[in-house]
């Protein structure tokens, strides 16, 4: 979760720099971009945006009792050196930068990091990792739709009540 926290804090701090642009301009710049990303997500066909299309090497983990797993988790949590099957992290960063700020950035980063923790944790606790993988791949479009709907709800709360 530390990686997500760092990424969210950086996005939130960058949002502070962008805050010199009037609120209305930032909001109206955000809406069409997020609308396109969400439309594709909710249709079950997420856009493939710029990303590092590889996984964090698992060889990092056995390096030591602490450093290896910490580095692996940190890199997964940042989302920088990994594969993301959805464009929602891009929409999240853009939202934090354009209308969020530091606190929403920190919260978004913690949420992203928590999501990154839950995936491998639930897989390993399932008792059948291969079955878990098949089940996830079979329902990946619906996972994206649910995440897209959750993102839309959180965005509405941010724009209407923050």
C-alpha atoms as a PDB file:
ATOM      1  CA  UNK A   1       0.000   0.000   0.000  1.00  0.00           C
ATOM      2  CA  UNK A   2       3.001   2.273   0.450  1.00  0.00           C
ATOM      3  CA  UNK A   3       3.536   2.404  -3.316  1.00  0.00           C
ATOM      4  CA  UNK A   4      -0.050   3.501  -3.858  1.00  0.00           C
ATOM      5  CA  UNK A   5       0.298   6.079  -1.102  1.00  0.00           C
ATOM      6  CA  UNK A   6       3.403   7.545  -2.742  1.00  0.00           C
ATOM      7  CA  UNK A   7       1.750   7.636  -6.182  1.00  0.00           C
ATOM      8  CA  UNK A   8      -1.404   9.226  -4.796  1.00  0.00           C
ATOM      9  CA  UNK A   9       0.565  11.812  -2.850  1.00  0.00           C
ATOM     10  CA  UNK A  10       2.573  12.761  -5.950  1.00  0.00           C
ATOM     11  CA  UNK A  11      -0.615  13.052  -8.036  1.00  0.00           C
ATOM     12  CA  UNK A  12      -2.279  15.126  -5.318  1.00  0.00           C
ATOM     13  CA  UNK A  13       0.748  17.414  -5.017  1.00  0.00           C
ATOM     14  CA  UNK A  14       0.830  17.848  -8.788  1.00  0.00           C
ATOM     15  CA  UNK A  15      -2.859  18.729  -8.541  1.00  0.00           C
ATOM     16  CA  UNK A  16      -1.823  21.556  -6.262  1.00  0.00           C
ATOM     17  CA  UNK A  17       0.321  22.962  -9.046  1.00  0.00           C
ATOM     18  CA  UNK A  18      -2.550  22.648 -11.525  1.00  0.00           C
ATOM     19  CA  UNK A  19      -4.912  24.408  -9.106  1.00  0.00           C
ATOM     20  CA  UNK A  20      -3.911  27.758 -10.603  1.00  0.00           C
ATOM     21  CA  UNK A  21      -6.164  26.862 -13.543  1.00  0.00           C
ATOM     22  CA  UNK A  22      -9.788  27.841 -12.796  1.00  0.00           C
ATOM     23  CA  UNK A  23     -11.998  25.065 -11.366  1.00  0.00           C
ATOM     24  CA  UNK A  24     -14.483  25.180 -14.230  1.00  0.00           C
ATOM     25  CA  UNK A  25     -11.741  24.742 -16.842  1.00  0.00           C
ATOM     26  CA  UNK A  26     -10.252  21.760 -14.997  1.00  0.00           C
ATOM     27  CA  UNK A  27     -13.649  20.138 -14.491  1.00  0.00           C
ATOM     28  CA  UNK A  28     -14.717  20.581 -18.116  1.00  0.00           C
ATOM     29  CA  UNK A  29     -11.358  19.224 -19.289  1.00  0.00           C
ATOM     30  CA  UNK A  30     -11.834  16.158 -17.097  1.00  0.00           C
ATOM     31  CA  UNK A  31     -15.429  15.271 -17.999  1.00  0.00           C
ATOM     32  CA  UNK A  32     -15.028  14.272 -21.687  1.00  0.00           C
ATOM     33  CA  UNK A  33     -11.862  12.269 -21.075  1.00  0.00           C
ATOM     34  CA  UNK A  34     -13.331  10.358 -18.155  1.00  0.00           C
ATOM     35  CA  UNK A  35     -16.608   9.897 -20.046  1.00  0.00           C
ATOM     36  CA  UNK A  36     -14.797   8.176 -22.924  1.00  0.00           C
ATOM     37  CA  UNK A  37     -12.735   5.983 -20.586  1.00  0.00           C
ATOM     38  CA  UNK A  38     -15.811   4.992 -18.574  1.00  0.00           C
ATOM     39  CA  UNK A  39     -17.922   4.330 -21.668  1.00  0.00           C
ATOM     40  CA  UNK A  40     -15.376   1.811 -22.905  1.00  0.00           C
ATOM     41  CA  UNK A  41     -14.973   0.327 -19.417  1.00  0.00           C
ATOM     42  CA  UNK A  42     -18.701  -0.078 -18.832  1.00  0.00           C
ATOM     43  CA  UNK A  43     -19.054  -1.631 -22.292  1.00  0.00           C
ATOM     44  CA  UNK A  44     -16.539  -4.291 -21.237  1.00  0.00           C
ATOM     45  CA  UNK A  45     -13.879  -3.137 -23.695  1.00  0.00           C
ATOM     46  CA  UNK A  46     -11.373  -1.064 -21.701  1.00  0.00           C
ATOM     47  CA  UNK A  47      -8.967   1.114 -23.633  1.00  0.00           C
ATOM     48  CA  UNK A  48      -5.326   0.088 -23.548  1.00  0.00           C
ATOM     49  CA  UNK A  49      -3.512   3.252 -22.528  1.00  0.00           C
ATOM     50  CA  UNK A  50       0.171   3.917 -21.947  1.00  0.00           C
ATOM     51  CA  UNK A  51       1.560   1.457 -19.437  1.00  0.00           C
ATOM     52  CA  UNK A  52       4.521  -0.751 -18.717  1.00  0.00           C
ATOM     53  CA  UNK A  53       3.118  -3.976 -20.156  1.00  0.00           C
ATOM     54  CA  UNK A  54       5.036  -6.362 -17.954  1.00  0.00           C
ATOM     55  CA  UNK A  55       4.721  -7.745 -14.498  1.00  0.00           C
ATOM     56  CA  UNK A  56       6.968  -6.994 -11.569  1.00  0.00           C
ATOM     57  CA  UNK A  57       9.402  -9.934 -11.610  1.00  0.00           C
ATOM     58  CA  UNK A  58       8.642 -12.427  -8.868  1.00  0.00           C
ATOM     59  CA  UNK A  59      12.375 -13.098  -8.569  1.00  0.00           C
ATOM     60  CA  UNK A  60      12.497  -9.942  -6.456  1.00  0.00           C
ATOM     61  CA  UNK A  61      10.606 -11.619  -3.600  1.00  0.00           C
ATOM     62  CA  UNK A  62      13.197 -14.179  -2.410  1.00  0.00           C
ATOM     63  CA  UNK A  63      16.044 -11.628  -2.261  1.00  0.00           C
ATOM     64  CA  UNK A  64      15.579 -11.270   1.473  1.00  0.00           C
ATOM     65  CA  UNK A  65      12.938 -11.687   4.144  1.00  0.00           C
ATOM     66  CA  UNK A  66      11.936  -8.022   4.017  1.00  0.00           C
ATOM     67  CA  UNK A  67      13.503  -6.138   1.116  1.00  0.00           C
ATOM     68  CA  UNK A  68      12.325  -8.435  -1.683  1.00  0.00           C
ATOM     69  CA  UNK A  69       8.639  -8.612  -0.733  1.00  0.00           C
ATOM     70  CA  UNK A  70       8.701  -4.907   0.183  1.00  0.00           C
ATOM     71  CA  UNK A  71      10.111  -3.927  -3.228  1.00  0.00           C
ATOM     72  CA  UNK A  72       7.640  -6.208  -5.012  1.00  0.00           C
ATOM     73  CA  UNK A  73       4.703  -4.740  -3.093  1.00  0.00           C
ATOM     74  CA  UNK A  74       5.919  -1.184  -3.517  1.00  0.00           C
ATOM     75  CA  UNK A  75       6.263  -1.562  -7.275  1.00  0.00           C
ATOM     76  CA  UNK A  76       2.863  -3.254  -7.555  1.00  0.00           C
ATOM     77  CA  UNK A  77       1.330  -0.508  -5.425  1.00  0.00           C
ATOM     78  CA  UNK A  78       2.660   2.311  -7.575  1.00  0.00           C
ATOM     79  CA  UNK A  79       1.221   0.743 -10.711  1.00  0.00           C
ATOM     80  CA  UNK A  80       4.235   2.014 -12.650  1.00  0.00           C
ATOM     81  CA  UNK A  81       6.053  -1.252 -13.328  1.00  0.00           C
ATOM     82  CA  UNK A  82       3.109  -3.493 -13.958  1.00  0.00           C
ATOM     83  CA  UNK A  83       0.283  -4.435 -16.279  1.00  0.00           C
ATOM     84  CA  UNK A  84      -3.121  -2.842 -15.742  1.00  0.00           C
ATOM     85  CA  UNK A  85      -6.056  -4.413 -17.603  1.00  0.00           C
ATOM     86  CA  UNK A  86      -8.125  -1.241 -17.325  1.00  0.00           C
ATOM     87  CA  UNK A  87      -7.812   2.474 -17.993  1.00  0.00           C
ATOM     88  CA  UNK A  88      -9.368   3.354 -14.641  1.00  0.00           C
ATOM     89  CA  UNK A  89      -6.031   4.063 -12.889  1.00  0.00           C
ATOM     90  CA  UNK A  90      -5.325   6.656 -15.595  1.00  0.00           C
ATOM     91  CA  UNK A  91      -8.752   8.208 -15.026  1.00  0.00           C
ATOM     92  CA  UNK A  92      -8.118   8.195 -11.280  1.00  0.00           C
ATOM     93  CA  UNK A  93      -4.779  10.003 -11.586  1.00  0.00           C
ATOM     94  CA  UNK A  94      -6.276  12.523 -13.991  1.00  0.00           C
ATOM     95  CA  UNK A  95      -9.177  13.147 -11.608  1.00  0.00           C
ATOM     96  CA  UNK A  96      -6.874  13.622  -8.631  1.00  0.00           C
ATOM     97  CA  UNK A  97      -4.661  16.012 -10.580  1.00  0.00           C
ATOM     98  CA  UNK A  98      -7.468  18.087 -12.089  1.00  0.00           C
ATOM     99  CA  UNK A  99     -10.068  18.266  -9.310  1.00  0.00           C
ATOM    100  CA  UNK A 100      -8.808  16.326  -6.314  1.00  0.00           C
ATOM    101  CA  UNK A 101      -5.849  17.675  -4.467  1.00  0.00           C
ATOM    102  CA  UNK A 102      -3.613  16.248  -1.789  1.00  0.00           C
ATOM    103  CA  UNK A 103      -6.127  14.527   0.515  1.00  0.00           C
ATOM    104  CA  UNK A 104      -8.090  12.861  -2.312  1.00  0.00           C
ATOM    105  CA  UNK A 105      -4.730  11.879  -3.829  1.00  0.00           C
ATOM    106  CA  UNK A 106      -3.613  10.222  -0.599  1.00  0.00           C
ATOM    107  CA  UNK A 107      -6.968   8.443  -0.243  1.00  0.00           C
ATOM    108  CA  UNK A 108      -6.950   7.343  -3.896  1.00  0.00           C
ATOM    109  CA  UNK A 109      -3.399   6.055  -3.526  1.00  0.00           C
ATOM    110  CA  UNK A 110      -4.314   4.075  -0.420  1.00  0.00           C
ATOM    111  CA  UNK A 111      -7.348   2.661  -2.210  1.00  0.00           C
ATOM    112  CA  UNK A 112      -5.265   1.696  -5.245  1.00  0.00           C
ATOM    113  CA  UNK A 113      -2.654   0.090  -3.000  1.00  0.00           C
ATOM    114  CA  UNK A 114      -5.345  -1.790  -1.099  1.00  0.00           C
ATOM    115  CA  UNK A 115      -6.780  -3.065  -4.375  1.00  0.00           C
ATOM    116  CA  UNK A 116      -3.324  -4.242  -5.396  1.00  0.00           C
ATOM    117  CA  UNK A 117      -2.957  -6.072  -2.074  1.00  0.00           C
ATOM    118  CA  UNK A 118      -6.360  -7.754  -2.274  1.00  0.00           C
ATOM    119  CA  UNK A 119      -5.789  -9.394  -5.657  1.00  0.00           C
ATOM    120  CA  UNK A 120      -2.800 -11.604  -4.738  1.00  0.00           C
ATOM    121  CA  UNK A 121      -4.079 -12.089  -1.205  1.00  0.00           C
ATOM    122  CA  UNK A 122      -7.463 -13.467  -2.273  1.00  0.00           C
ATOM    123  CA  UNK A 123      -5.765 -15.562  -4.957  1.00  0.00           C
ATOM    124  CA  UNK A 124      -3.380 -17.153  -2.473  1.00  0.00           C
ATOM    125  CA  UNK A 125      -6.117 -17.712   0.133  1.00  0.00           C
ATOM    126  CA  UNK A 126      -8.507 -19.257  -2.398  1.00  0.00           C
ATOM    127  CA  UNK A 127      -6.938 -22.700  -2.086  1.00  0.00           C
ATOM    128  CA  UNK A 128      -7.060 -23.078  -5.887  1.00  0.00           C
ATOM    129  CA  UNK A 129      -5.014 -20.306  -7.540  1.00  0.00           C
ATOM    130  CA  UNK A 130      -5.502 -21.741 -11.037  1.00  0.00           C
ATOM    131  CA  UNK A 131      -9.264 -21.907 -10.536  1.00  0.00           C
ATOM    132  CA  UNK A 132      -9.210 -18.384  -9.135  1.00  0.00           C
ATOM    133  CA  UNK A 133      -7.378 -17.200 -12.277  1.00  0.00           C
ATOM    134  CA  UNK A 134      -9.918 -18.909 -14.566  1.00  0.00           C
ATOM    135  CA  UNK A 135     -12.811 -17.443 -12.597  1.00  0.00           C
ATOM    136  CA  UNK A 136     -11.308 -13.946 -12.754  1.00  0.00           C
ATOM    137  CA  UNK A 137     -10.578 -14.147 -16.480  1.00  0.00           C
ATOM    138  CA  UNK A 138     -14.107 -15.402 -17.118  1.00  0.00           C
ATOM    139  CA  UNK A 139     -15.612 -12.415 -15.348  1.00  0.00           C
ATOM    140  CA  UNK A 140     -13.020  -9.738 -16.137  1.00  0.00           C
ATOM    141  CA  UNK A 141     -15.440  -7.625 -18.180  1.00  0.00           C
ATOM    142  CA  UNK A 142     -17.849  -7.556 -15.228  1.00  0.00           C
ATOM    143  CA  UNK A 143     -15.060  -6.719 -12.818  1.00  0.00           C
ATOM    144  CA  UNK A 144     -14.238  -3.747 -15.027  1.00  0.00           C
ATOM    145  CA  UNK A 145     -17.876  -2.713 -15.182  1.00  0.00           C
ATOM    146  CA  UNK A 146     -18.249  -2.833 -11.390  1.00  0.00           C
ATOM    147  CA  UNK A 147     -15.019  -0.915 -10.934  1.00  0.00           C
ATOM    148  CA  UNK A 148     -16.154   1.618 -13.547  1.00  0.00           C
ATOM    149  CA  UNK A 149     -19.477   2.084 -11.773  1.00  0.00           C
ATOM    150  CA  UNK A 150     -17.670   2.530  -8.453  1.00  0.00           C
ATOM    151  CA  UNK A 151     -15.320   5.056 -10.024  1.00  0.00           C
ATOM    152  CA  UNK A 152     -18.279   6.956 -11.464  1.00  0.00           C
ATOM    153  CA  UNK A 153     -19.966   7.062  -8.048  1.00  0.00           C
ATOM    154  CA  UNK A 154     -16.767   8.274  -6.359  1.00  0.00           C
ATOM    155  CA  UNK A 155     -16.271  10.917  -9.068  1.00  0.00           C
ATOM    156  CA  UNK A 156     -19.828  12.158  -8.607  1.00  0.00           C
ATOM    157  CA  UNK A 157     -19.270  12.448  -4.862  1.00  0.00           C
ATOM    158  CA  UNK A 158     -16.005  14.306  -5.442  1.00  0.00           C
ATOM    159  CA  UNK A 159     -17.484  16.722  -7.966  1.00  0.00           C
ATOM    160  CA  UNK A 160     -20.738  17.349  -6.116  1.00  0.00           C
ATOM    161  CA  UNK A 161     -19.670  17.335  -2.511  1.00  0.00           C
ATOM    162  CA  UNK A 162     -15.991  17.888  -2.077  1.00  0.00           C
END
